[in-house]
Structures are given as structure tokens and as C-alpha cells.
All heavy atoms as atom14 arrays in JSON, in Angstrom:
{
  "sequence": "FTISSDNTKNTVFLQMNSLKPEDTAVYYCARSRLLILPPKPSAS",
  "atom14_mask": [
    [1, 1, 1, 1, 1, 1, 1, 1, 1, 1, 1, 0, 0, 0],
    [1, 1, 1, 1, 1, 1, 1, 0, 0, 0, 0, 0, 0, 0],
    [1, 1, 1, 1, 1, 1, 1, 1, 0, 0, 0, 0, 0, 0],
    [1, 1, 1, 1, 1, 1, 0, 0, 0, 0, 0, 0, 0, 0],
    [1, 1, 1, 1, 1, 1, 0, 0, 0, 0, 0, 0, 0, 0],
    [1, 1, 1, 1, 1, 1, 1, 1, 0, 0, 0, 0, 0, 0],
    [1, 1, 1, 1, 1, 1, 1, 1, 0, 0, 0, 0, 0, 0],
    [1, 1, 1, 1, 1, 1, 1, 0, 0, 0, 0, 0, 0, 0],
    [1, 1, 1, 1, 1, 1, 1, 1, 1, 0, 0, 0, 0, 0],
    [1, 1, 1, 1, 1, 1, 1, 1, 0, 0, 0, 0, 0, 0],
    [1, 1, 1, 1, 1, 1, 1, 0, 0, 0, 0, 0, 0, 0],
    [1, 1, 1, 1, 1, 1, 1, 0, 0, 0, 0, 0, 0, 0],
    [1, 1, 1, 1, 1, 1, 1, 1, 1, 1, 1, 0, 0, 0],
    [1, 1, 1, 1, 1, 1, 1, 1, 0, 0, 0, 0, 0, 0],
    [1, 1, 1, 1, 1, 1, 1, 1, 1, 0, 0, 0, 0, 0],
    [1, 1, 1, 1, 1, 1, 1, 1, 0, 0, 0, 0, 0, 0],
    [1, 1, 1, 1, 1, 1, 1, 1, 0, 0, 0, 0, 0, 0],
    [1, 1, 1, 1, 1, 1, 0, 0, 0, 0, 0, 0, 0, 0],
    [1, 1, 1, 1, 1, 1, 1, 1, 0, 0, 0, 0, 0, 0],
    [1, 1, 1, 1, 1, 1, 1, 1, 1, 0, 0, 0, 0, 0],
    [1, 1, 1, 1, 1, 1, 1, 0, 0, 0, 0, 0, 0, 0],
    [1, 1, 1, 1, 1, 1, 1, 1, 1, 0, 0, 0, 0, 0],
    [1, 1, 1, 1, 1, 1, 1, 1, 0, 0, 0, 0, 0, 0],
    [1, 1, 1, 1, 1, 1, 1, 0, 0, 0, 0, 0, 0, 0],
    [1, 1, 1, 1, 1, 0, 0, 0, 0, 0, 0, 0, 0, 0],
    [1, 1, 1, 1, 1, 1, 1, 0, 0, 0, 0, 0, 0, 0],
    [1, 1, 1, 1, 1, 1, 1, 1, 1, 1, 1, 1, 0, 0],
    [1, 1, 1, 1, 1, 1, 1, 1, 1, 1, 1, 1, 0, 0],
    [1, 1, 1, 1, 1, 1, 0, 0, 0, 0, 0, 0, 0, 0],
    [1, 1, 1, 1, 1, 0, 0, 0, 0, 0, 0, 0, 0, 0],
    [1, 1, 1, 1, 1, 1, 1, 1, 1, 1, 1, 0, 0, 0],
    [1, 1, 1, 1, 1, 1, 0, 0, 0, 0, 0, 0, 0, 0],
    [1, 1, 1, 1, 1, 1, 1, 1, 1, 1, 1, 0, 0, 0],
    [1, 1, 1, 1, 1, 1, 1, 1, 0, 0, 0, 0, 0, 0],
    [1, 1, 1, 1, 1, 1, 1, 1, 0, 0, 0, 0, 0, 0],
    [1, 1, 1, 1, 1, 1, 1, 1, 0, 0, 0, 0, 0, 0],
    [1, 1, 1, 1, 1, 1, 1, 1, 0, 0, 0, 0, 0, 0],
    [1, 1, 1, 1, 1, 1, 1, 0, 0, 0, 0, 0, 0, 0],
    [1, 1, 1, 1, 1, 1, 1, 0, 0, 0, 0, 0, 0, 0],
    [1, 1, 1, 1, 1, 1, 1, 1, 1, 0, 0, 0, 0, 0],
    [1, 1, 1, 1, 1, 1, 1, 0, 0, 0, 0, 0, 0, 0],
    [1, 1, 1, 1, 1, 1, 0, 0, 0, 0, 0, 0, 0, 0],
    [1, 1, 1, 1, 1, 0, 0, 0, 0, 0, 0, 0, 0, 0],
    [1, 1, 1, 1, 1, 1, 0, 0, 0, 0, 0, 0, 0, 0]
  ],
  "atom14_positions": [
    [[36.56, 21.68, -44.35], [36.3, 20.82, -45.53], [36.43, 19.24, -45.14], [37.38, 19.06, -44.35], [37.12, 21.09, -46.68], [36.99, 22.33, -47.32], [36.22, 23.38, -46.72], [37.74, 22.76, -48.48], [36.08, 24.67, -47.32], [37.54, 23.98, -49.07], [36.74, 24.92, -48.42], [0.0, 0.0, 0.0], [0.0, 0.0, 0.0], [0.0, 0.0, 0.0]],
    [[35.57, 18.51, -45.74], [35.67, 17.02, -45.52], [35.51, 16.33, -46.88], [34.71, 16.57, -47.68], [34.53, 16.45, -44.55], [34.63, 17.2, -43.36], [34.74, 14.92, -44.36], [0.0, 0.0, 0.0], [0.0, 0.0, 0.0], [0.0, 0.0, 0.0], [0.0, 0.0, 0.0], [0.0, 0.0, 0.0], [0.0, 0.0, 0.0], [0.0, 0.0, 0.0]],
    [[36.49, 15.49, -47.17], [36.55, 14.74, -48.37], [36.08, 13.32, -48.05], [36.39, 12.71, -47.01], [37.89, 14.67, -49.02], [37.88, 13.99, -50.42], [39.04, 13.92, -48.27], [39.15, 14.17, -51.23], [0.0, 0.0, 0.0], [0.0, 0.0, 0.0], [0.0, 0.0, 0.0], [0.0, 0.0, 0.0], [0.0, 0.0, 0.0], [0.0, 0.0, 0.0]],
    [[35.26, 12.72, -49.01], [34.71, 11.42, -48.79], [34.51, 10.68, -50.09], [34.54, 11.33, -51.11], [33.43, 11.35, -47.91], [32.4, 12.17, -48.66], [0.0, 0.0, 0.0], [0.0, 0.0, 0.0], [0.0, 0.0, 0.0], [0.0, 0.0, 0.0], [0.0, 0.0, 0.0], [0.0, 0.0, 0.0], [0.0, 0.0, 0.0], [0.0, 0.0, 0.0]],
    [[34.39, 9.41, -50.17], [34.23, 8.69, -51.37], [33.04, 7.68, -51.09], [32.8, 7.09, -50.05], [35.43, 7.89, -51.63], [35.77, 6.99, -50.67], [0.0, 0.0, 0.0], [0.0, 0.0, 0.0], [0.0, 0.0, 0.0], [0.0, 0.0, 0.0], [0.0, 0.0, 0.0], [0.0, 0.0, 0.0], [0.0, 0.0, 0.0], [0.0, 0.0, 0.0]],
    [[32.36, 7.48, -52.2], [31.23, 6.33, -52.27], [31.66, 5.44, -53.48], [31.38, 5.82, -54.64], [29.93, 7.23, -52.55], [28.74, 6.08, -52.4], [29.02, 4.89, -52.66], [27.62, 6.63, -52.3], [0.0, 0.0, 0.0], [0.0, 0.0, 0.0], [0.0, 0.0, 0.0], [0.0, 0.0, 0.0], [0.0, 0.0, 0.0], [0.0, 0.0, 0.0]],
    [[32.16, 4.34, -53.11], [32.65, 3.46, -54.13], [31.4, 2.82, -54.94], [31.65, 2.46, -56.18], [33.44, 2.21, -53.5], [34.61, 2.63, -52.88], [35.1, 3.79, -53.15], [35.25, 1.88, -52.04], [0.0, 0.0, 0.0], [0.0, 0.0, 0.0], [0.0, 0.0, 0.0], [0.0, 0.0, 0.0], [0.0, 0.0, 0.0], [0.0, 0.0, 0.0]],
    [[30.28, 2.73, -54.38], [29.21, 2.24, -55.1], [28.8, 3.1, -56.31], [28.19, 2.69, -57.13], [27.99, 1.93, -54.15], [27.57, 3.21, -53.66], [28.42, 1.03, -53.0], [0.0, 0.0, 0.0], [0.0, 0.0, 0.0], [0.0, 0.0, 0.0], [0.0, 0.0, 0.0], [0.0, 0.0, 0.0], [0.0, 0.0, 0.0], [0.0, 0.0, 0.0]],
    [[29.03, 4.36, -56.1], [28.7, 5.39, -57.09], [29.89, 5.86, -57.88], [29.7, 6.91, -58.67], [27.88, 6.59, -56.51], [26.62, 6.1, -55.79], [25.83, 7.43, -55.2], [24.57, 6.93, -54.47], [23.84, 8.07, -53.84], [0.0, 0.0, 0.0], [0.0, 0.0, 0.0], [0.0, 0.0, 0.0], [0.0, 0.0, 0.0], [0.0, 0.0, 0.0]],
    [[31.06, 5.28, -57.51], [32.28, 5.9, -58.17], [32.4, 7.45, -58.03], [32.63, 8.14, -59.12], [32.36, 5.52, -59.63], [32.67, 4.03, -59.82], [33.23, 3.43, -58.93], [32.28, 3.49, -60.92], [0.0, 0.0, 0.0], [0.0, 0.0, 0.0], [0.0, 0.0, 0.0], [0.0, 0.0, 0.0], [0.0, 0.0, 0.0], [0.0, 0.0, 0.0]],
    [[32.0, 7.92, -56.92], [32.01, 9.42, -56.86], [32.74, 9.79, -55.48], [32.65, 9.05, -54.39], [30.5, 9.94, -56.58], [29.78, 9.51, -57.86], [30.48, 11.37, -56.55], [0.0, 0.0, 0.0], [0.0, 0.0, 0.0], [0.0, 0.0, 0.0], [0.0, 0.0, 0.0], [0.0, 0.0, 0.0], [0.0, 0.0, 0.0], [0.0, 0.0, 0.0]],
    [[33.47, 10.88, -55.58], [34.14, 11.48, -54.44], [33.46, 12.83, -54.19], [33.03, 13.62, -55.15], [35.69, 11.6, -54.89], [36.34, 12.43, -53.67], [36.36, 10.39, -55.0], [0.0, 0.0, 0.0], [0.0, 0.0, 0.0], [0.0, 0.0, 0.0], [0.0, 0.0, 0.0], [0.0, 0.0, 0.0], [0.0, 0.0, 0.0], [0.0, 0.0, 0.0]],
    [[33.43, 13.22, -52.91], [32.7, 14.4, -52.48], [33.68, 15.31, -51.69], [34.6, 14.83, -51.14], [31.52, 14.1, -51.62], [30.6, 13.2, -52.16], [30.56, 11.88, -52.0], [29.59, 13.63, -53.01], [29.64, 10.91, -52.6], [28.63, 12.74, -53.71], [28.7, 11.34, -53.31], [0.0, 0.0, 0.0], [0.0, 0.0, 0.0], [0.0, 0.0, 0.0]],
    [[33.38, 16.58, -51.75], [34.08, 17.57, -50.85], [32.95, 18.43, -50.26], [32.34, 19.18, -50.96], [35.06, 18.44, -51.84], [35.89, 19.38, -50.89], [36.93, 18.6, -50.12], [36.62, 20.4, -51.82], [0.0, 0.0, 0.0], [0.0, 0.0, 0.0], [0.0, 0.0, 0.0], [0.0, 0.0, 0.0], [0.0, 0.0, 0.0], [0.0, 0.0, 0.0]],
    [[32.81, 18.16, -49.0], [31.82, 18.94, -48.28], [32.55, 20.24, -47.54], [33.65, 19.97, -46.9], [31.24, 18.12, -46.96], [30.36, 19.04, -46.16], [29.09, 19.31, -46.89], [28.47, 18.67, -47.59], [28.67, 20.57, -46.64], [0.0, 0.0, 0.0], [0.0, 0.0, 0.0], [0.0, 0.0, 0.0], [0.0, 0.0, 0.0], [0.0, 0.0, 0.0]],
    [[32.19, 21.32, -48.06], [32.85, 22.59, -47.7], [31.9, 23.39, -46.76], [30.84, 23.79, -47.28], [33.17, 23.4, -49.0], [33.98, 22.63, -49.99], [34.58, 23.65, -51.35], [33.03, 24.07, -52.08], [0.0, 0.0, 0.0], [0.0, 0.0, 0.0], [0.0, 0.0, 0.0], [0.0, 0.0, 0.0], [0.0, 0.0, 0.0], [0.0, 0.0, 0.0]],
    [[32.44, 23.62, -45.59], [31.61, 24.44, -44.65], [32.25, 25.65, -44.22], [33.53, 25.8, -44.45], [31.24, 23.57, -43.31], [30.44, 22.27, -43.65], [29.64, 22.29, -44.51], [30.65, 21.26, -42.91], [0.0, 0.0, 0.0], [0.0, 0.0, 0.0], [0.0, 0.0, 0.0], [0.0, 0.0, 0.0], [0.0, 0.0, 0.0], [0.0, 0.0, 0.0]],
    [[31.58, 26.6, -43.67], [32.19, 27.9, -43.16], [33.02, 28.5, -44.18], [34.19, 28.81, -43.99], [33.1, 27.54, -41.97], [32.5, 26.99, -40.88], [0.0, 0.0, 0.0], [0.0, 0.0, 0.0], [0.0, 0.0, 0.0], [0.0, 0.0, 0.0], [0.0, 0.0, 0.0], [0.0, 0.0, 0.0], [0.0, 0.0, 0.0], [0.0, 0.0, 0.0]],
    [[32.5, 28.67, -45.4], [33.19, 28.97, -46.58], [33.57, 30.51, -46.35], [32.87, 31.36, -45.73], [32.28, 28.97, -47.83], [32.34, 27.47, -48.3], [31.16, 27.29, -49.32], [33.67, 27.17, -49.03], [0.0, 0.0, 0.0], [0.0, 0.0, 0.0], [0.0, 0.0, 0.0], [0.0, 0.0, 0.0], [0.0, 0.0, 0.0], [0.0, 0.0, 0.0]],
    [[34.7, 30.88, -46.83], [35.25, 32.3, -47.01], [35.48, 32.8, -48.23], [35.57, 32.14, -49.22], [36.57, 32.29, -46.08], [36.62, 31.58, -44.75], [38.06, 31.49, -44.23], [38.08, 30.85, -42.9], [39.47, 30.69, -42.33], [0.0, 0.0, 0.0], [0.0, 0.0, 0.0], [0.0, 0.0, 0.0], [0.0, 0.0, 0.0], [0.0, 0.0, 0.0]],
    [[35.43, 34.1, -48.46], [35.61, 34.71, -49.83], [36.97, 34.11, -50.43], [36.97, 33.99, -51.7], [35.64, 36.18, -49.47], [34.88, 36.44, -48.27], [35.09, 35.17, -47.45], [0.0, 0.0, 0.0], [0.0, 0.0, 0.0], [0.0, 0.0, 0.0], [0.0, 0.0, 0.0], [0.0, 0.0, 0.0], [0.0, 0.0, 0.0], [0.0, 0.0, 0.0]],
    [[38.04, 33.87, -49.57], [39.2, 33.47, -50.17], [39.28, 32.06, -50.66], [40.1, 31.6, -51.29], [40.4, 33.61, -49.21], [40.03, 33.02, -47.8], [39.56, 34.09, -46.82], [38.79, 34.9, -47.21], [40.01, 33.99, -45.71], [0.0, 0.0, 0.0], [0.0, 0.0, 0.0], [0.0, 0.0, 0.0], [0.0, 0.0, 0.0], [0.0, 0.0, 0.0]],
    [[37.99, 31.32, -50.45], [37.79, 30.05, -50.87], [37.26, 30.1, -52.52], [37.19, 28.96, -53.07], [36.76, 29.29, -50.14], [37.27, 28.91, -48.78], [38.48, 28.56, -48.67], [36.51, 29.02, -47.79], [0.0, 0.0, 0.0], [0.0, 0.0, 0.0], [0.0, 0.0, 0.0], [0.0, 0.0, 0.0], [0.0, 0.0, 0.0], [0.0, 0.0, 0.0]],
    [[37.04, 31.2, -52.83], [36.63, 31.38, -54.3], [37.6, 30.84, -55.2], [38.76, 31.36, -55.32], [36.19, 32.96, -54.6], [35.15, 33.39, -53.75], [35.87, 33.08, -56.05], [0.0, 0.0, 0.0], [0.0, 0.0, 0.0], [0.0, 0.0, 0.0], [0.0, 0.0, 0.0], [0.0, 0.0, 0.0], [0.0, 0.0, 0.0], [0.0, 0.0, 0.0]],
    [[37.21, 30.04, -56.1], [38.17, 29.37, -57.13], [37.4, 28.4, -58.02], [36.26, 28.15, -57.76], [39.32, 28.74, -56.44], [0.0, 0.0, 0.0], [0.0, 0.0, 0.0], [0.0, 0.0, 0.0], [0.0, 0.0, 0.0], [0.0, 0.0, 0.0], [0.0, 0.0, 0.0], [0.0, 0.0, 0.0], [0.0, 0.0, 0.0], [0.0, 0.0, 0.0]],
    [[38.1, 27.99, -58.95], [37.68, 26.74, -59.71], [38.24, 25.61, -59.06], [39.42, 25.48, -58.82], [38.07, 26.8, -61.23], [37.63, 25.57, -62.0], [37.47, 28.05, -61.89], [0.0, 0.0, 0.0], [0.0, 0.0, 0.0], [0.0, 0.0, 0.0], [0.0, 0.0, 0.0], [0.0, 0.0, 0.0], [0.0, 0.0, 0.0], [0.0, 0.0, 0.0]],
    [[37.36, 24.65, -58.69], [37.73, 23.51, -57.91], [37.82, 22.31, -59.09], [36.9, 22.11, -59.85], [36.75, 23.12, -56.91], [37.04, 23.99, -55.68], [36.66, 25.5, -55.64], [37.51, 23.57, -54.53], [36.79, 26.2, -54.64], [37.78, 24.35, -53.37], [37.33, 25.67, -53.51], [37.66, 26.53, -52.41], [0.0, 0.0, 0.0], [0.0, 0.0, 0.0]],
    [[38.88, 21.53, -58.98], [39.1, 20.45, -59.92], [39.33, 19.15, -59.16], [39.96, 19.23, -58.01], [40.45, 20.65, -60.7], [40.43, 21.96, -61.57], [40.79, 23.05, -61.27], [39.98, 21.8, -62.97], [40.8, 24.16, -61.97], [40.0, 22.82, -63.84], [40.38, 24.07, -63.3], [40.4, 25.06, -64.03], [0.0, 0.0, 0.0], [0.0, 0.0, 0.0]],
    [[38.84, 18.07, -59.66], [39.06, 16.75, -59.11], [39.96, 16.09, -59.97], [40.05, 16.31, -61.12], [37.74, 15.92, -58.85], [36.79, 15.57, -60.29], [0.0, 0.0, 0.0], [0.0, 0.0, 0.0], [0.0, 0.0, 0.0], [0.0, 0.0, 0.0], [0.0, 0.0, 0.0], [0.0, 0.0, 0.0], [0.0, 0.0, 0.0], [0.0, 0.0, 0.0]],
    [[40.75, 15.11, -59.28], [41.86, 14.47, -60.12], [42.05, 13.2, -59.45], [41.81, 12.9, -58.33], [43.05, 15.29, -60.11], [0.0, 0.0, 0.0], [0.0, 0.0, 0.0], [0.0, 0.0, 0.0], [0.0, 0.0, 0.0], [0.0, 0.0, 0.0], [0.0, 0.0, 0.0], [0.0, 0.0, 0.0], [0.0, 0.0, 0.0], [0.0, 0.0, 0.0]],
    [[42.71, 12.28, -60.24], [43.2, 10.9, -59.72], [44.7, 10.86, -59.87], [45.24, 11.33, -60.73], [42.63, 9.8, -60.65], [42.63, 8.3, -59.92], [42.7, 7.28, -60.9], [44.13, 7.17, -61.34], [44.57, 6.15, -62.12], [43.7, 5.2, -62.52], [45.8, 6.1, -62.57], [0.0, 0.0, 0.0], [0.0, 0.0, 0.0], [0.0, 0.0, 0.0]],
    [[45.22, 10.29, -58.86], [46.7, 10.18, -58.62], [47.39, 9.37, -59.87], [46.75, 8.38, -60.39], [47.11, 9.6, -57.27], [46.73, 8.34, -57.14], [0.0, 0.0, 0.0], [0.0, 0.0, 0.0], [0.0, 0.0, 0.0], [0.0, 0.0, 0.0], [0.0, 0.0, 0.0], [0.0, 0.0, 0.0], [0.0, 0.0, 0.0], [0.0, 0.0, 0.0]],
    [[48.51, 9.74, -59.97], [49.42, 8.97, -61.03], [49.74, 7.62, -60.5], [49.64, 6.64, -61.14], [50.65, 9.76, -61.42], [50.38, 10.96, -62.17], [51.71, 11.57, -62.55], [51.51, 12.9, -63.23], [51.31, 13.04, -64.43], [51.23, 12.04, -65.33], [51.17, 14.24, -65.04], [0.0, 0.0, 0.0], [0.0, 0.0, 0.0], [0.0, 0.0, 0.0]],
    [[50.11, 7.64, -59.22], [50.7, 6.5, -58.5], [49.71, 5.92, -57.35], [48.88, 6.74, -57.07], [52.11, 6.68, -58.02], [53.15, 7.12, -59.04], [54.51, 7.53, -58.35], [53.2, 6.13, -60.12], [0.0, 0.0, 0.0], [0.0, 0.0, 0.0], [0.0, 0.0, 0.0], [0.0, 0.0, 0.0], [0.0, 0.0, 0.0], [0.0, 0.0, 0.0]],
    [[50.15, 4.99, -56.76], [49.23, 4.46, -55.67], [49.7, 5.02, -54.27], [49.02, 4.75, -53.3], [49.46, 2.84, -55.55], [49.13, 2.03, -56.81], [49.27, 0.51, -56.6], [47.56, 2.43, -57.34], [0.0, 0.0, 0.0], [0.0, 0.0, 0.0], [0.0, 0.0, 0.0], [0.0, 0.0, 0.0], [0.0, 0.0, 0.0], [0.0, 0.0, 0.0]],
    [[50.76, 5.76, -54.26], [51.24, 6.39, -53.11], [51.24, 7.98, -53.27], [51.53, 8.32, -54.44], [52.48, 5.91, -52.56], [53.64, 5.94, -53.62], [52.28, 4.45, -52.08], [55.0, 5.58, -53.08], [0.0, 0.0, 0.0], [0.0, 0.0, 0.0], [0.0, 0.0, 0.0], [0.0, 0.0, 0.0], [0.0, 0.0, 0.0], [0.0, 0.0, 0.0]],
    [[51.02, 8.64, -52.18], [51.2, 10.08, -52.27], [51.9, 10.7, -51.09], [51.75, 10.09, -49.9], [49.77, 10.81, -52.33], [49.01, 10.87, -53.64], [47.65, 11.48, -53.36], [49.8, 11.5, -54.68], [0.0, 0.0, 0.0], [0.0, 0.0, 0.0], [0.0, 0.0, 0.0], [0.0, 0.0, 0.0], [0.0, 0.0, 0.0], [0.0, 0.0, 0.0]],
    [[52.56, 11.79, -51.27], [53.03, 12.46, -49.93], [51.81, 13.2, -49.33], [50.86, 13.3, -49.94], [54.03, 13.53, -50.48], [53.58, 13.82, -51.87], [52.99, 12.4, -52.47], [0.0, 0.0, 0.0], [0.0, 0.0, 0.0], [0.0, 0.0, 0.0], [0.0, 0.0, 0.0], [0.0, 0.0, 0.0], [0.0, 0.0, 0.0], [0.0, 0.0, 0.0]],
    [[51.88, 13.46, -48.04], [50.74, 14.0, -47.22], [50.27, 15.38, -47.86], [49.08, 15.74, -47.72], [51.32, 14.13, -45.91], [52.41, 13.25, -45.78], [53.05, 13.21, -47.07], [0.0, 0.0, 0.0], [0.0, 0.0, 0.0], [0.0, 0.0, 0.0], [0.0, 0.0, 0.0], [0.0, 0.0, 0.0], [0.0, 0.0, 0.0], [0.0, 0.0, 0.0]],
    [[51.33, 16.09, -48.55], [50.79, 17.36, -49.08], [51.17, 17.27, -50.67], [52.26, 17.93, -50.94], [51.54, 18.49, -48.47], [51.15, 18.77, -46.92], [49.68, 19.17, -46.72], [49.32, 19.69, -45.46], [49.47, 18.65, -44.4], [0.0, 0.0, 0.0], [0.0, 0.0, 0.0], [0.0, 0.0, 0.0], [0.0, 0.0, 0.0], [0.0, 0.0, 0.0]],
    [[50.35, 16.54, -51.33], [50.86, 16.41, -52.9], [50.64, 17.62, -53.72], [49.91, 18.6, -53.29], [49.83, 15.24, -53.26], [48.61, 15.62, -52.36], [49.11, 16.02, -51.18], [0.0, 0.0, 0.0], [0.0, 0.0, 0.0], [0.0, 0.0, 0.0], [0.0, 0.0, 0.0], [0.0, 0.0, 0.0], [0.0, 0.0, 0.0], [0.0, 0.0, 0.0]],
    [[51.26, 17.64, -54.81], [51.1, 18.78, -55.73], [50.29, 18.15, -56.93], [50.12, 17.09, -57.08], [52.53, 19.28, -56.23], [53.11, 18.3, -56.86], [0.0, 0.0, 0.0], [0.0, 0.0, 0.0], [0.0, 0.0, 0.0], [0.0, 0.0, 0.0], [0.0, 0.0, 0.0], [0.0, 0.0, 0.0], [0.0, 0.0, 0.0], [0.0, 0.0, 0.0]],
    [[50.04, 19.24, -57.78], [49.33, 18.82, -59.01], [50.0, 17.83, -59.85], [49.36, 17.05, -60.56], [48.96, 20.12, -59.89], [0.0, 0.0, 0.0], [0.0, 0.0, 0.0], [0.0, 0.0, 0.0], [0.0, 0.0, 0.0], [0.0, 0.0, 0.0], [0.0, 0.0, 0.0], [0.0, 0.0, 0.0], [0.0, 0.0, 0.0], [0.0, 0.0, 0.0]],
    [[51.35, 17.77, -59.87], [52.11, 16.85, -60.57], [51.99, 15.4, -60.19], [52.37, 14.55, -60.96], [53.69, 17.32, -60.67], [54.08, 17.2, -59.3], [0.0, 0.0, 0.0], [0.0, 0.0, 0.0], [0.0, 0.0, 0.0], [0.0, 0.0, 0.0], [0.0, 0.0, 0.0], [0.0, 0.0, 0.0], [0.0, 0.0, 0.0], [0.0, 0.0, 0.0]]
  ]
}
């Protein structure tokens, strides 16, 4: 997977390749609460 952003369109993308059955899910996008994040953030 590759995440990217296009500031001109205010859009973030997630390119997903080599998909597996275990990738089946509802995918949500979100914005962080703060300006910093740990490398492996949680939903909170």
C-alpha cells in the first residue's frame, strides 16, 4: 500500500496493490487530533 496526498485537491489517496482476502474491510479516513503522531498510531 502507498499513501499520498494532493494538497491542490484536498485529497488523500491509498493505493492498494497485491490485495489479499484478509484485506477485506471497511476502510476509513481520518484526520489527527494533534500535529504529532507516534509511528504506529491508534484510532484515538
